[in-house]
C-alpha atoms as a PDB file:
ATOM      1  CA  MET A   1     101.173  87.607  81.231  1.00  0.00           C
ATOM      2  CA  ARG A   2     102.507  84.031  81.298  1.00  0.00           C
ATOM      3  CA  ALA A   3      99.242  82.763  79.820  1.00  0.00           C
ATOM      4  CA  LEU A   4      99.491  85.338  77.020  1.00  0.00           C
ATOM      5  CA  VAL A   5     103.072  84.313  76.264  1.00  0.00           C
ATOM      6  CA  TYR A   6     101.895  80.703  76.136  1.00  0.00           C
ATOM      7  CA  LEU A   7      99.142  81.667  73.692  1.00  0.00           C
ATOM      8  CA  ALA A   8     101.608  83.709  71.634  1.00  0.00           C
ATOM      9  CA  ARG A   9     103.861  80.665  71.383  1.00  0.00           C
ATOM     10  CA  ALA A  10     100.865  78.545  70.321  1.00  0.00           C
ATOM     11  CA  ARG A  11      99.734  81.027  67.644  1.00  0.00           C
ATOM     12  CA  GLY A  12      98.513  79.208  64.550  1.00  0.00           C
ATOM     13  CA  LYS A  13      97.657  76.026  66.469  1.00  0.00           C
ATOM     14  CA  GLY A  14      94.056  77.053  67.083  1.00  0.00           C
ATOM     15  CA  ALA A  15      92.320  77.659  70.368  1.00  0.00           C
ATOM     16  CA  ILE A  16      94.032  76.366  73.513  1.00  0.00           C
ATOM     17  CA  LEU A  17      92.104  74.940  76.453  1.00  0.00           C
ATOM     18  CA  ILE A  18      92.323  76.704  79.804  1.00  0.00           C
ATOM     19  CA  GLY A  19      93.306  73.434  81.444  1.00  0.00           C
ATOM     20  CA  GLU A  20      96.361  73.099  79.209  1.00  0.00           C
ATOM     21  CA  ILE A  21      97.524  76.642  79.931  1.00  0.00           C
ATOM     22  CA  ALA A  22      96.916  76.233  83.667  1.00  0.00           C
ATOM     23  CA  LEU A  23      98.871  72.982  83.766  1.00  0.00           C
ATOM     24  CA  LYS A  24     101.818  74.095  81.630  1.00  0.00           C
ATOM     25  CA  GLU A  25     102.156  77.515  83.275  1.00  0.00           C
ATOM     26  CA  ARG A  26     101.297  76.368  86.816  1.00  0.00           C
ATOM     27  CA  ILE A  27      98.480  78.861  87.185  1.00  0.00           C
ATOM     28  CA  PRO A  28      95.396  77.963  89.262  1.00  0.00           C
ATOM     29  CA  LYS A  29      92.607  77.190  86.781  1.00  0.00           C
ATOM     30  CA  LYS A  30      89.894  79.264  88.505  1.00  0.00           C
ATOM     31  CA  PHE A  31      92.208  82.293  88.681  1.00  0.00           C
ATOM     32  CA  LEU A  32      93.186  81.830  85.026  1.00  0.00           C
ATOM     33  CA  GLU A  33      89.548  81.529  83.930  1.00  0.00           C
ATOM     34  CA  SER A  34      88.706  84.959  85.352  1.00  0.00           C
ATOM     35  CA  ILE A  35      91.791  86.596  83.827  1.00  0.00           C
ATOM     36  CA  LEU A  36      91.241  85.083  80.372  1.00  0.00           C
ATOM     37  CA  LEU A  37      87.568  86.068  80.436  1.00  0.00           C
ATOM     38  CA  GLU A  38      88.548  89.649  81.313  1.00  0.00           C
ATOM     39  CA  LEU A  39      91.110  89.717  78.477  1.00  0.00           C
ATOM     40  CA  LYS A  40      88.466  88.343  76.110  1.00  0.00           C
ATOM     41  CA  ASN A  41      85.992  91.026  77.184  1.00  0.00           C
ATOM     42  CA  LYS A  42      88.674  93.674  76.551  1.00  0.00           C
ATOM     43  CA  GLY A  43      89.371  92.358  73.035  1.00  0.00           C
ATOM     44  CA  VAL A  44      92.807  90.824  73.593  1.00  0.00           C
ATOM     45  CA  LEU A  45      91.595  87.226  73.291  1.00  0.00           C
ATOM     46  CA  GLU A  46      89.035  85.297  71.300  1.00  0.00           C
ATOM     47  CA  SER A  47      87.343  82.150  72.535  1.00  0.00           C
ATOM     48  CA  ARG A  48      85.470  79.227  71.075  1.00  0.00           C
ATOM     49  CA  ARG A  49      83.227  76.715  72.819  1.00  0.00           C
ATOM     50  CA  GLY A  50      82.941  73.004  72.242  1.00  0.00           C
ATOM     51  CA  LYS A  51      85.287  70.657  70.421  1.00  0.00           C
ATOM     52  CA  GLY A  52      88.368  72.565  69.333  1.00  0.00           C
ATOM     53  CA  GLY A  53      87.409  75.322  71.756  1.00  0.00           C
ATOM     54  CA  GLY A  54      89.537  77.408  74.035  1.00  0.00           C
ATOM     55  CA  TYR A  55      91.342  80.737  73.833  1.00  0.00           C
ATOM     56  CA  GLN A  56      93.619  82.357  71.286  1.00  0.00           C
ATOM     57  CA  LEU A  57      95.052  85.815  70.713  1.00  0.00           C
ATOM     58  CA  ALA A  58      92.729  88.222  68.897  1.00  0.00           C
ATOM     59  CA  GLU A  59      95.684  89.844  67.083  1.00  0.00           C
ATOM     60  CA  PRO A  60      99.171  88.725  66.051  1.00  0.00           C
ATOM     61  CA  ALA A  61     101.563  88.527  69.023  1.00  0.00           C
ATOM     62  CA  ASP A  62     103.824  91.202  67.549  1.00  0.00           C
ATOM     63  CA  GLN A  63     100.928  93.679  67.698  1.00  0.00           C
ATOM     64  CA  ILE A  64     100.060  93.143  71.366  1.00  0.00           C
ATOM     65  CA  LEU A  65     102.273  95.259  73.617  1.00  0.00           C
ATOM     66  CA  VAL A  66     103.104  94.493  77.228  1.00  0.00           C
ATOM     67  CA  GLY A  67     102.174  98.063  78.176  1.00  0.00           C
ATOM     68  CA  GLN A  68      98.730  97.612  76.652  1.00  0.00           C
ATOM     69  CA  ILE A  69      98.126  94.488  78.746  1.00  0.00           C
ATOM     70  CA  ILE A  70      99.396  96.044  81.976  1.00  0.00           C
ATOM     71  CA  ARG A  71      97.175  99.089  81.498  1.00  0.00           C
ATOM     72  CA  LEU A  72      94.136  96.923  80.711  1.00  0.00           C
ATOM     73  CA  MET A  73      94.615  94.711  83.744  1.00  0.00           C
ATOM     74  CA  ASP A  74      96.225  96.994  86.331  1.00  0.00           C
ATOM     75  CA  GLY A  75      95.526 100.542  85.229  1.00  0.00           C
ATOM     76  CA  PRO A  76      98.030 103.386  84.796  1.00  0.00           C
ATOM     77  CA  LEU A  77     101.764 102.722  84.804  1.00  0.00           C
ATOM     78  CA  ALA A  78     102.686 105.828  86.795  1.00  0.00           C
ATOM     79  CA  PRO A  79     104.082 105.127  90.267  1.00  0.00           C
ATOM     80  CA  VAL A  80     102.146 108.136  91.664  1.00  0.00           C
ATOM     81  CA  ARG A  81      98.958 109.737  90.345  1.00  0.00           C
ATOM     82  CA  CYS A  82     100.421 113.228  89.945  1.00  0.00           C
ATOM     83  CA  VAL A  83     102.500 111.971  86.987  1.00  0.00           C
ATOM     84  CA  SER A  84      99.847 109.761  85.398  1.00  0.00           C
ATOM     85  CA  ARG A  85      98.707 110.630  81.886  1.00  0.00           C
ATOM     86  CA  SER A  86      95.405 108.763  82.139  1.00  0.00           C
ATOM     87  CA  ALA A  87      94.542 108.999  85.847  1.00  0.00           C
ATOM     88  CA  TYR A  88      96.093 112.288  86.976  1.00  0.00           C
ATOM     89  CA  ALA A  89      95.302 113.549  90.450  1.00  0.00           C
ATOM     90  CA  ALA A  90      97.195 116.136  92.464  1.00  0.00           C
ATOM     91  CA  CYS A  91      98.847 114.972  95.669  1.00  0.00           C
ATOM     92  CA  ASP A  92      96.903 116.161  98.698  1.00  0.00           C
ATOM     93  CA  ASP A  93      99.977 117.140 100.663  1.00  0.00           C
ATOM     94  CA  CYS A  94     102.158 118.620  97.911  1.00  0.00           C
ATOM     95  CA  PRO A  95     102.831 122.340  98.457  1.00  0.00           C
ATOM     96  CA  ASP A  96     103.859 123.041  94.827  1.00  0.00           C
ATOM     97  CA  GLU A  97     103.612 120.449  92.078  1.00  0.00           C
ATOM     98  CA  GLU A  98     105.717 122.546  89.678  1.00  0.00           C
ATOM     99  CA  THR A  99     108.762 122.537  91.965  1.00  0.00           C
ATOM    100  CA  CYS A 100     108.344 119.112  93.554  1.00  0.00           C
ATOM    101  CA  PRO A 101     111.611 117.159  93.187  1.00  0.00           C
ATOM    102  CA  ILE A 102     109.822 113.873  93.940  1.00  0.00           C
ATOM    103  CA  ARG A 103     107.427 114.450  91.044  1.00  0.00           C
ATOM    104  CA  VAL A 104     110.359 115.006  88.661  1.00  0.00           C
ATOM    105  CA  VAL A 105     111.866 111.650  89.632  1.00  0.00           C
ATOM    106  CA  MET A 106     108.494 109.880  89.405  1.00  0.00           C
ATOM    107  CA  MET A 107     107.950 111.339  85.922  1.00  0.00           C
ATOM    108  CA  GLU A 108     111.280 109.862  84.847  1.00  0.00           C
ATOM    109  CA  VAL A 109     110.319 106.508  86.388  1.00  0.00           C
ATOM    110  CA  ARG A 110     107.005 106.563  84.481  1.00  0.00           C
ATOM    111  CA  HIS A 111     108.789 107.512  81.274  1.00  0.00           C
ATOM    112  CA  GLN A 112     111.333 104.701  81.605  1.00  0.00           C
ATOM    113  CA  ILE A 113     108.658 102.115  82.389  1.00  0.00           C
ATOM    114  CA  CYS A 114     106.656 103.223  79.342  1.00  0.00           C
ATOM    115  CA  GLU A 115     109.779 103.119  77.165  1.00  0.00           C
ATOM    116  CA  VAL A 116     110.255  99.442  77.939  1.00  0.00           C
ATOM    117  CA  VAL A 117     106.713  98.074  78.053  1.00  0.00           C
ATOM    118  CA  ASP A 118     105.403 100.087  75.101  1.00  0.00           C
ATOM    119  CA  ARG A 119     108.065  98.735  72.768  1.00  0.00           C
ATOM    120  CA  THR A 120     107.890  95.117  73.975  1.00  0.00           C
ATOM    121  CA  SER A 121     105.380  92.808  72.313  1.00  0.00           C
ATOM    122  CA  LEU A 122     104.248  89.321  73.225  1.00  0.00           C
ATOM    123  CA  SER A 123     106.350  87.980  70.367  1.00  0.00           C
ATOM    124  CA  ASP A 124     109.361  89.766  71.908  1.00  0.00           C
ATOM    125  CA  LEU A 125     108.667  87.934  75.167  1.00  0.00           C
ATOM    126  CA  VAL A 126     108.565  84.602  73.312  1.00  0.00           C
ATOM    127  CA  GLU A 127     111.897  85.412  71.648  1.00  0.00           C
ATOM    128  CA  ASN A 128     113.381  86.512  74.975  1.00  0.00           C
ATOM    129  CA  GLU A 129     112.258  83.275  76.609  1.00  0.00           C
ATOM    130  CA  ASP A 130     113.802  81.240  73.789  1.00  0.00           C
ATOM    131  CA  GLN A 131     117.068  83.134  74.142  1.00  0.00           C
ATOM    132  CA  LEU A 132     117.118  82.723  77.926  1.00  0.00           C
ATOM    133  CA  ARG A 133     116.517  78.978  77.605  1.00  0.00           C
ATOM    134  CA  LEU A 134     119.250  78.682  75.009  1.00  0.00           C
ATOM    135  CA  THR A 135     121.665  80.565  77.238  1.00  0.00           C
ATOM    136  CA  ALA A 136     120.694  78.484  80.294  1.00  0.00           C
ATOM    137  CA  ASN A 137     121.083  75.217  78.369  1.00  0.00           C
ATOM    138  CA  HIS A 138     124.434  76.375  77.019  1.00  0.00           C
ATOM    139  CA  ALA A 139     125.626  77.216  80.553  1.00  0.00           C
ATOM    140  CA  LEU A 140     124.453  73.816  81.805  1.00  0.00           C
ATOM    141  CA  SER A 141     126.436  72.017  79.117  1.00  0.00           C
ATOM    142  CA  PHE A 142     129.623  73.582  80.506  1.00  0.00           C
ATOM    143  CA  ASP A 143     128.769  72.556  84.070  1.00  0.00           C
ATOM    144  CA  ILE A 144     128.751  68.859  83.229  1.00  0.00           C
END
């Protein structure tokens, strides 16, 4: 996700080299290579080889949602499979799914997670980071 935020911030500057992202975001290069390749294969990123090569977002940052990325990389958002929309499976030891109080809570958890990540874009994360840095810098100026 940090690499995607970095690419969102760099939007319009062309393709960004893996080495630059790895260095700036402190992500091991080999690990980053496999993640970026997977995101490219899933249509989130575009890449170019050679001079001026590297990775860039395939769509504008405000159109790429955090929930979309999490689902692509990690699978369903549901904390348990019996409440998953895309990977539903009944619990082996549940006597009655319809009256299970745990399932009701887990459905609410899934709903709340989806509420947040499905309305948050990469551009929102960039704006949030900017705001957090501004707030942190402002707090530091009072400490001096």
